[in-house]
Amino acid sequence: MPRGNGKAEVEEQHLDAEHELPAAEETESDERVSAERAAERVSEVEKLRAERDALLDRLARMQAEFDNARKRAAREQQEFREYALADAIKSLIPVLDSFDRALESSPEKSEFHMGVELIHKQLQDALAKLGVRPVSAKGELFDPRFHQAIETVETSEADDQHVVEELQRGYKLKDRLLRPAMVKVARNPKH
């Protein structure tokens, strides 16, 4: 006697037919399709890697530009802080000149004269703390960056192109020239 029902056996055979391996020709075409897909994936991966490398390079350049801009801004801010007093100091330089002239015109050593000397010294010290320095001139080689020649004097007592006399003192704020020294420059006569 047959076991179970005949319909179940037919369905079982039908299921086995669906689960059978495809024919050899279909396997080769599937392998070809798989190889093409793998090649496409490799190509896509290479494109993504190239894009990633380009983006990383762009990011590195942008970071460098940002860092340079930040450093430049910090440097400009520092320079501004260092030289913000330049205009105020320029307005005080004529006061120093007046003190110098007053002290030169009064050779006596009275209490008043000594008081003026003390105030002059205090002003010089305060400006020195801010970075103000006088430009050395007398006896120095004439330098157009720091000296302004008012007159040339023919003399053999000083070396050629050296400062003979300082008419007005020059000043620098740290490395920046505030005012050049007005000077007379020696010119040796030709023998």
C-alpha atoms as a PDB file:
ATOM      1  CA  MET A   1       0.000   0.000   0.000  1.00  0.00           C
ATOM      2  CA  PRO A   2       1.308   3.361  -0.861  1.00  0.00           C
ATOM      3  CA  ARG A   3       2.325   5.563   1.931  1.00  0.00           C
ATOM      4  CA  GLY A   4       0.722   8.943   2.232  1.00  0.00           C
ATOM      5  CA  ASN A   5      -1.016  10.600  -0.509  1.00  0.00           C
ATOM      6  CA  GLY A   6       0.117  10.746  -4.117  1.00  0.00           C
ATOM      7  CA  LYS A   7      -0.238  14.489  -4.285  1.00  0.00           C
ATOM      8  CA  ALA A   8       2.521  14.984  -1.665  1.00  0.00           C
ATOM      9  CA  GLU A   9       4.945  12.929  -3.736  1.00  0.00           C
ATOM     10  CA  VAL A  10       4.283  15.013  -6.838  1.00  0.00           C
ATOM     11  CA  GLU A  11       4.854  18.233  -4.901  1.00  0.00           C
ATOM     12  CA  GLU A  12       8.032  16.794  -3.445  1.00  0.00           C
ATOM     13  CA  GLN A  13       9.340  15.950  -6.901  1.00  0.00           C
ATOM     14  CA  HIS A  14       8.359  19.426  -8.123  1.00  0.00           C
ATOM     15  CA  LEU A  15      10.282  21.054  -5.237  1.00  0.00           C
ATOM     16  CA  ASP A  16      13.339  18.977  -6.047  1.00  0.00           C
ATOM     17  CA  ALA A  17      13.179  20.159  -9.646  1.00  0.00           C
ATOM     18  CA  GLU A  18      13.187  23.799  -8.547  1.00  0.00           C
ATOM     19  CA  HIS A  19      16.158  23.273  -6.264  1.00  0.00           C
ATOM     20  CA  GLU A  20      18.270  21.533  -8.824  1.00  0.00           C
ATOM     21  CA  LEU A  21      21.518  23.136  -9.869  1.00  0.00           C
ATOM     22  CA  PRO A  22      21.300  25.067 -13.093  1.00  0.00           C
ATOM     23  CA  ALA A  23      22.802  23.680 -16.214  1.00  0.00           C
ATOM     24  CA  ALA A  24      26.507  24.155 -16.885  1.00  0.00           C
ATOM     25  CA  GLU A  25      25.925  26.937 -19.437  1.00  0.00           C
ATOM     26  CA  GLU A  26      24.014  29.038 -16.955  1.00  0.00           C
ATOM     27  CA  THR A  27      26.807  28.620 -14.374  1.00  0.00           C
ATOM     28  CA  GLU A  28      29.418  30.046 -16.760  1.00  0.00           C
ATOM     29  CA  SER A  29      27.247  33.077 -17.588  1.00  0.00           C
ATOM     30  CA  ASP A  30      26.611  33.658 -13.880  1.00  0.00           C
ATOM     31  CA  GLU A  31      30.352  33.534 -13.272  1.00  0.00           C
ATOM     32  CA  ARG A  32      30.862  36.057 -16.060  1.00  0.00           C
ATOM     33  CA  VAL A  33      28.222  38.331 -14.528  1.00  0.00           C
ATOM     34  CA  SER A  34      29.806  37.883 -11.104  1.00  0.00           C
ATOM     35  CA  ALA A  35      33.237  38.736 -12.529  1.00  0.00           C
ATOM     36  CA  GLU A  36      31.805  41.855 -14.209  1.00  0.00           C
ATOM     37  CA  ARG A  37      30.121  42.892 -10.981  1.00  0.00           C
ATOM     38  CA  ALA A  38      33.347  42.308  -9.054  1.00  0.00           C
ATOM     39  CA  ALA A  39      35.253  44.415 -11.600  1.00  0.00           C
ATOM     40  CA  GLU A  40      32.628  47.141 -11.281  1.00  0.00           C
ATOM     41  CA  ARG A  41      32.953  47.007  -7.501  1.00  0.00           C
ATOM     42  CA  VAL A  42      36.749  47.208  -7.710  1.00  0.00           C
ATOM     43  CA  SER A  43      36.435  50.163 -10.097  1.00  0.00           C
ATOM     44  CA  GLU A  44      33.937  51.825  -7.765  1.00  0.00           C
ATOM     45  CA  VAL A  45      36.216  51.201  -4.767  1.00  0.00           C
ATOM     46  CA  GLU A  46      39.139  52.768  -6.679  1.00  0.00           C
ATOM     47  CA  LYS A  47      37.010  55.803  -7.561  1.00  0.00           C
ATOM     48  CA  LEU A  48      35.950  56.157  -3.932  1.00  0.00           C
ATOM     49  CA  ARG A  49      39.568  55.869  -2.774  1.00  0.00           C
ATOM     50  CA  ALA A  50      40.658  58.529  -5.280  1.00  0.00           C
ATOM     51  CA  GLU A  51      37.813  60.796  -4.138  1.00  0.00           C
ATOM     52  CA  ARG A  52      38.728  60.188  -0.493  1.00  0.00           C
ATOM     53  CA  ASP A  53      42.397  60.987  -1.186  1.00  0.00           C
ATOM     54  CA  ALA A  54      41.413  64.189  -3.007  1.00  0.00           C
ATOM     55  CA  LEU A  55      39.154  65.219  -0.118  1.00  0.00           C
ATOM     56  CA  LEU A  56      41.870  64.448   2.454  1.00  0.00           C
ATOM     57  CA  ASP A  57      44.349  66.508   0.444  1.00  0.00           C
ATOM     58  CA  ARG A  58      41.853  69.372   0.211  1.00  0.00           C
ATOM     59  CA  LEU A  59      41.190  69.134   3.954  1.00  0.00           C
ATOM     60  CA  ALA A  60      44.926  69.248   4.720  1.00  0.00           C
ATOM     61  CA  ARG A  61      45.353  72.328   2.505  1.00  0.00           C
ATOM     62  CA  MET A  62      42.371  74.075   4.100  1.00  0.00           C
ATOM     63  CA  GLN A  63      43.708  73.287   7.578  1.00  0.00           C
ATOM     64  CA  ALA A  64      47.094  74.731   6.586  1.00  0.00           C
ATOM     65  CA  GLU A  65      45.439  77.866   5.165  1.00  0.00           C
ATOM     66  CA  PHE A  66      43.384  78.264   8.336  1.00  0.00           C
ATOM     67  CA  ASP A  67      46.448  77.807  10.511  1.00  0.00           C
ATOM     68  CA  ASN A  68      48.381  80.392   8.455  1.00  0.00           C
ATOM     69  CA  ALA A  69      45.476  82.856   8.671  1.00  0.00           C
ATOM     70  CA  ARG A  70      45.260  82.348  12.434  1.00  0.00           C
ATOM     71  CA  LYS A  71      49.016  82.912  12.835  1.00  0.00           C
ATOM     72  CA  ARG A  72      48.893  85.996  10.597  1.00  0.00           C
ATOM     73  CA  ALA A  73      45.993  87.454  12.603  1.00  0.00           C
ATOM     74  CA  ALA A  74      47.836  86.796  15.879  1.00  0.00           C
ATOM     75  CA  ARG A  75      51.006  88.421  14.494  1.00  0.00           C
ATOM     76  CA  GLU A  76      49.057  91.477  13.268  1.00  0.00           C
ATOM     77  CA  GLN A  77      47.310  91.775  16.617  1.00  0.00           C
ATOM     78  CA  GLN A  78      50.656  91.573  18.443  1.00  0.00           C
ATOM     79  CA  GLU A  79      52.158  94.238  16.153  1.00  0.00           C
ATOM     80  CA  PHE A  80      49.136  96.444  16.754  1.00  0.00           C
ATOM     81  CA  ARG A  81      49.566  96.093  20.504  1.00  0.00           C
ATOM     82  CA  GLU A  82      53.296  96.812  20.301  1.00  0.00           C
ATOM     83  CA  TYR A  83      52.971  99.883  18.119  1.00  0.00           C
ATOM     84  CA  ALA A  84      49.609 101.294  19.242  1.00  0.00           C
ATOM     85  CA  LEU A  85      51.452 103.844  21.352  1.00  0.00           C
ATOM     86  CA  ALA A  86      53.447 105.182  18.401  1.00  0.00           C
ATOM     87  CA  ASP A  87      51.150 108.166  17.785  1.00  0.00           C
ATOM     88  CA  ALA A  88      50.999 109.104  21.470  1.00  0.00           C
ATOM     89  CA  ILE A  89      54.774 108.848  21.780  1.00  0.00           C
ATOM     90  CA  LYS A  90      55.273 110.954  18.631  1.00  0.00           C
ATOM     91  CA  SER A  91      53.304 113.711  20.335  1.00  0.00           C
ATOM     92  CA  LEU A  92      55.590 113.494  23.402  1.00  0.00           C
ATOM     93  CA  ILE A  93      58.852 113.739  21.452  1.00  0.00           C
ATOM     94  CA  PRO A  94      58.598 117.546  21.047  1.00  0.00           C
ATOM     95  CA  VAL A  95      58.280 117.749  24.843  1.00  0.00           C
ATOM     96  CA  LEU A  96      61.608 115.926  25.149  1.00  0.00           C
ATOM     97  CA  ASP A  97      63.095 118.374  22.629  1.00  0.00           C
ATOM     98  CA  SER A  98      61.869 121.297  24.728  1.00  0.00           C
ATOM     99  CA  PHE A  99      63.433 119.799  27.842  1.00  0.00           C
ATOM    100  CA  ASP A 100      66.727 119.321  25.983  1.00  0.00           C
ATOM    101  CA  ARG A 101      66.748 122.953  24.780  1.00  0.00           C
ATOM    102  CA  ALA A 102      65.803 124.238  28.241  1.00  0.00           C
ATOM    103  CA  LEU A 103      68.604 122.276  29.890  1.00  0.00           C
ATOM    104  CA  GLU A 104      71.165 123.402  27.267  1.00  0.00           C
ATOM    105  CA  SER A 105      70.234 127.066  27.636  1.00  0.00           C
ATOM    106  CA  SER A 106      70.557 127.055  31.422  1.00  0.00           C
ATOM    107  CA  PRO A 107      74.035 125.898  32.435  1.00  0.00           C
ATOM    108  CA  GLU A 108      73.687 126.924  36.089  1.00  0.00           C
ATOM    109  CA  LYS A 109      72.966 124.246  38.637  1.00  0.00           C
ATOM    110  CA  SER A 110      70.126 125.901  40.537  1.00  0.00           C
ATOM    111  CA  GLU A 111      67.394 123.956  42.296  1.00  0.00           C
ATOM    112  CA  PHE A 112      65.029 124.821  39.462  1.00  0.00           C
ATOM    113  CA  HIS A 113      67.510 123.488  36.900  1.00  0.00           C
ATOM    114  CA  MET A 114      67.959 120.273  38.870  1.00  0.00           C
ATOM    115  CA  GLY A 115      64.145 119.877  39.122  1.00  0.00           C
ATOM    116  CA  VAL A 116      63.828 120.231  35.334  1.00  0.00           C
ATOM    117  CA  GLU A 117      66.619 117.648  34.890  1.00  0.00           C
ATOM    118  CA  LEU A 118      64.765 115.274  37.210  1.00  0.00           C
ATOM    119  CA  ILE A 119      61.486 115.647  35.299  1.00  0.00           C
ATOM    120  CA  HIS A 120      63.371 115.178  32.008  1.00  0.00           C
ATOM    121  CA  LYS A 121      64.982 111.996  33.355  1.00  0.00           C
ATOM    122  CA  GLN A 122      61.606 110.654  34.563  1.00  0.00           C
ATOM    123  CA  LEU A 123      60.058 111.236  31.138  1.00  0.00           C
ATOM    124  CA  GLN A 124      62.987 109.513  29.423  1.00  0.00           C
ATOM    125  CA  ASP A 125      62.744 106.547  31.797  1.00  0.00           C
ATOM    126  CA  ALA A 126      58.989 106.206  31.262  1.00  0.00           C
ATOM    127  CA  LEU A 127      59.441 106.230  27.478  1.00  0.00           C
ATOM    128  CA  ALA A 128      62.341 103.762  27.745  1.00  0.00           C
ATOM    129  CA  LYS A 129      60.050 101.319  29.587  1.00  0.00           C
ATOM    130  CA  LEU A 130      57.682 101.532  26.612  1.00  0.00           C
ATOM    131  CA  GLY A 131      60.534 100.687  24.231  1.00  0.00           C
ATOM    132  CA  VAL A 132      61.491 104.195  23.040  1.00  0.00           C
ATOM    133  CA  ARG A 133      65.207 104.604  22.356  1.00  0.00           C
ATOM    134  CA  PRO A 134      67.130 107.580  20.946  1.00  0.00           C
ATOM    135  CA  VAL A 135      68.842 107.071  17.589  1.00  0.00           C
ATOM    136  CA  SER A 136      72.597 107.355  17.987  1.00  0.00           C
ATOM    137  CA  ALA A 137      73.972 109.920  15.574  1.00  0.00           C
ATOM    138  CA  LYS A 138      77.070 111.965  16.461  1.00  0.00           C
ATOM    139  CA  GLY A 139      80.239 110.245  15.264  1.00  0.00           C
ATOM    140  CA  GLU A 140      78.256 107.500  13.513  1.00  0.00           C
ATOM    141  CA  LEU A 141      78.389 106.691   9.810  1.00  0.00           C
ATOM    142  CA  PHE A 142      75.517 108.467   8.062  1.00  0.00           C
ATOM    143  CA  ASP A 143      72.609 106.035   7.603  1.00  0.00           C
ATOM    144  CA  PRO A 144      69.650 107.377   5.598  1.00  0.00           C
ATOM    145  CA  ARG A 145      67.361 104.910   7.354  1.00  0.00           C
ATOM    146  CA  PHE A 146      67.896 106.677  10.706  1.00  0.00           C
ATOM    147  CA  HIS A 147      69.431 110.063   9.839  1.00  0.00           C
ATOM    148  CA  GLN A 148      68.148 113.013   7.868  1.00  0.00           C
ATOM    149  CA  ALA A 149      71.004 115.082   6.457  1.00  0.00           C
ATOM    150  CA  ILE A 150      70.302 118.790   6.774  1.00  0.00           C
ATOM    151  CA  GLU A 151      73.746 119.974   5.762  1.00  0.00           C
ATOM    152  CA  THR A 152      77.096 118.644   4.606  1.00  0.00           C
ATOM    153  CA  VAL A 153      80.175 120.201   6.139  1.00  0.00           C
ATOM    154  CA  GLU A 154      83.601 120.121   4.501  1.00  0.00           C
ATOM    155  CA  THR A 155      86.011 119.145   7.216  1.00  0.00           C
ATOM    156  CA  SER A 156      89.053 116.977   7.744  1.00  0.00           C
ATOM    157  CA  GLU A 157      88.362 116.609  11.469  1.00  0.00           C
ATOM    158  CA  ALA A 158      85.814 113.806  10.919  1.00  0.00           C
ATOM    159  CA  ASP A 159      85.705 110.806   8.621  1.00  0.00           C
ATOM    160  CA  ASP A 160      83.891 111.185   5.331  1.00  0.00           C
ATOM    161  CA  GLN A 161      80.123 110.499   5.502  1.00  0.00           C
ATOM    162  CA  HIS A 162      80.099 110.528   9.310  1.00  0.00           C
ATOM    163  CA  VAL A 163      77.733 112.619  11.433  1.00  0.00           C
ATOM    164  CA  VAL A 164      79.473 115.762  12.715  1.00  0.00           C
ATOM    165  CA  GLU A 165      76.594 117.304  14.649  1.00  0.00           C
ATOM    166  CA  GLU A 166      73.124 116.260  15.758  1.00  0.00           C
ATOM    167  CA  LEU A 167      70.618 119.093  15.340  1.00  0.00           C
ATOM    168  CA  GLN A 168      67.574 117.170  16.521  1.00  0.00           C
ATOM    169  CA  ARG A 169      67.559 113.762  18.200  1.00  0.00           C
ATOM    170  CA  GLY A 170      65.828 110.869  16.458  1.00  0.00           C
ATOM    171  CA  TYR A 171      63.810 108.158  18.207  1.00  0.00           C
ATOM    172  CA  LYS A 172      62.834 104.544  17.634  1.00  0.00           C
ATOM    173  CA  LEU A 173      60.013 102.534  19.174  1.00  0.00           C
ATOM    174  CA  LYS A 174      61.507  99.051  19.444  1.00  0.00           C
ATOM    175  CA  ASP A 175      62.570  98.450  15.805  1.00  0.00           C
ATOM    176  CA  ARG A 176      60.315 101.065  14.209  1.00  0.00           C
ATOM    177  CA  LEU A 177      61.645 104.546  13.485  1.00  0.00           C
ATOM    178  CA  LEU A 178      59.460 107.266  14.992  1.00  0.00           C
ATOM    179  CA  ARG A 179      61.544 110.222  13.850  1.00  0.00           C
ATOM    180  CA  PRO A 180      64.927 110.369  12.076  1.00  0.00           C
ATOM    181  CA  ALA A 181      67.762 112.349  13.616  1.00  0.00           C
ATOM    182  CA  MET A 182      68.455 115.645  11.835  1.00  0.00           C
ATOM    183  CA  VAL A 183      72.210 115.827  11.340  1.00  0.00           C
ATOM    184  CA  LYS A 184      75.149 117.558   9.679  1.00  0.00           C
ATOM    185  CA  VAL A 185      77.340 115.169   7.704  1.00  0.00           C
ATOM    186  CA  ALA A 186      81.093 115.471   7.137  1.00  0.00           C
ATOM    187  CA  ARG A 187      82.527 115.597   3.659  1.00  0.00           C
ATOM    188  CA  ASN A 188      86.286 115.417   3.362  1.00  0.00           C
ATOM    189  CA  PRO A 189      87.812 117.805   0.847  1.00  0.00           C
ATOM    190  CA  LYS A 190      89.657 116.114  -1.995  1.00  0.00           C
ATOM    191  CA  HIS A 191      93.385 116.612  -1.963  1.00  0.00           C
END
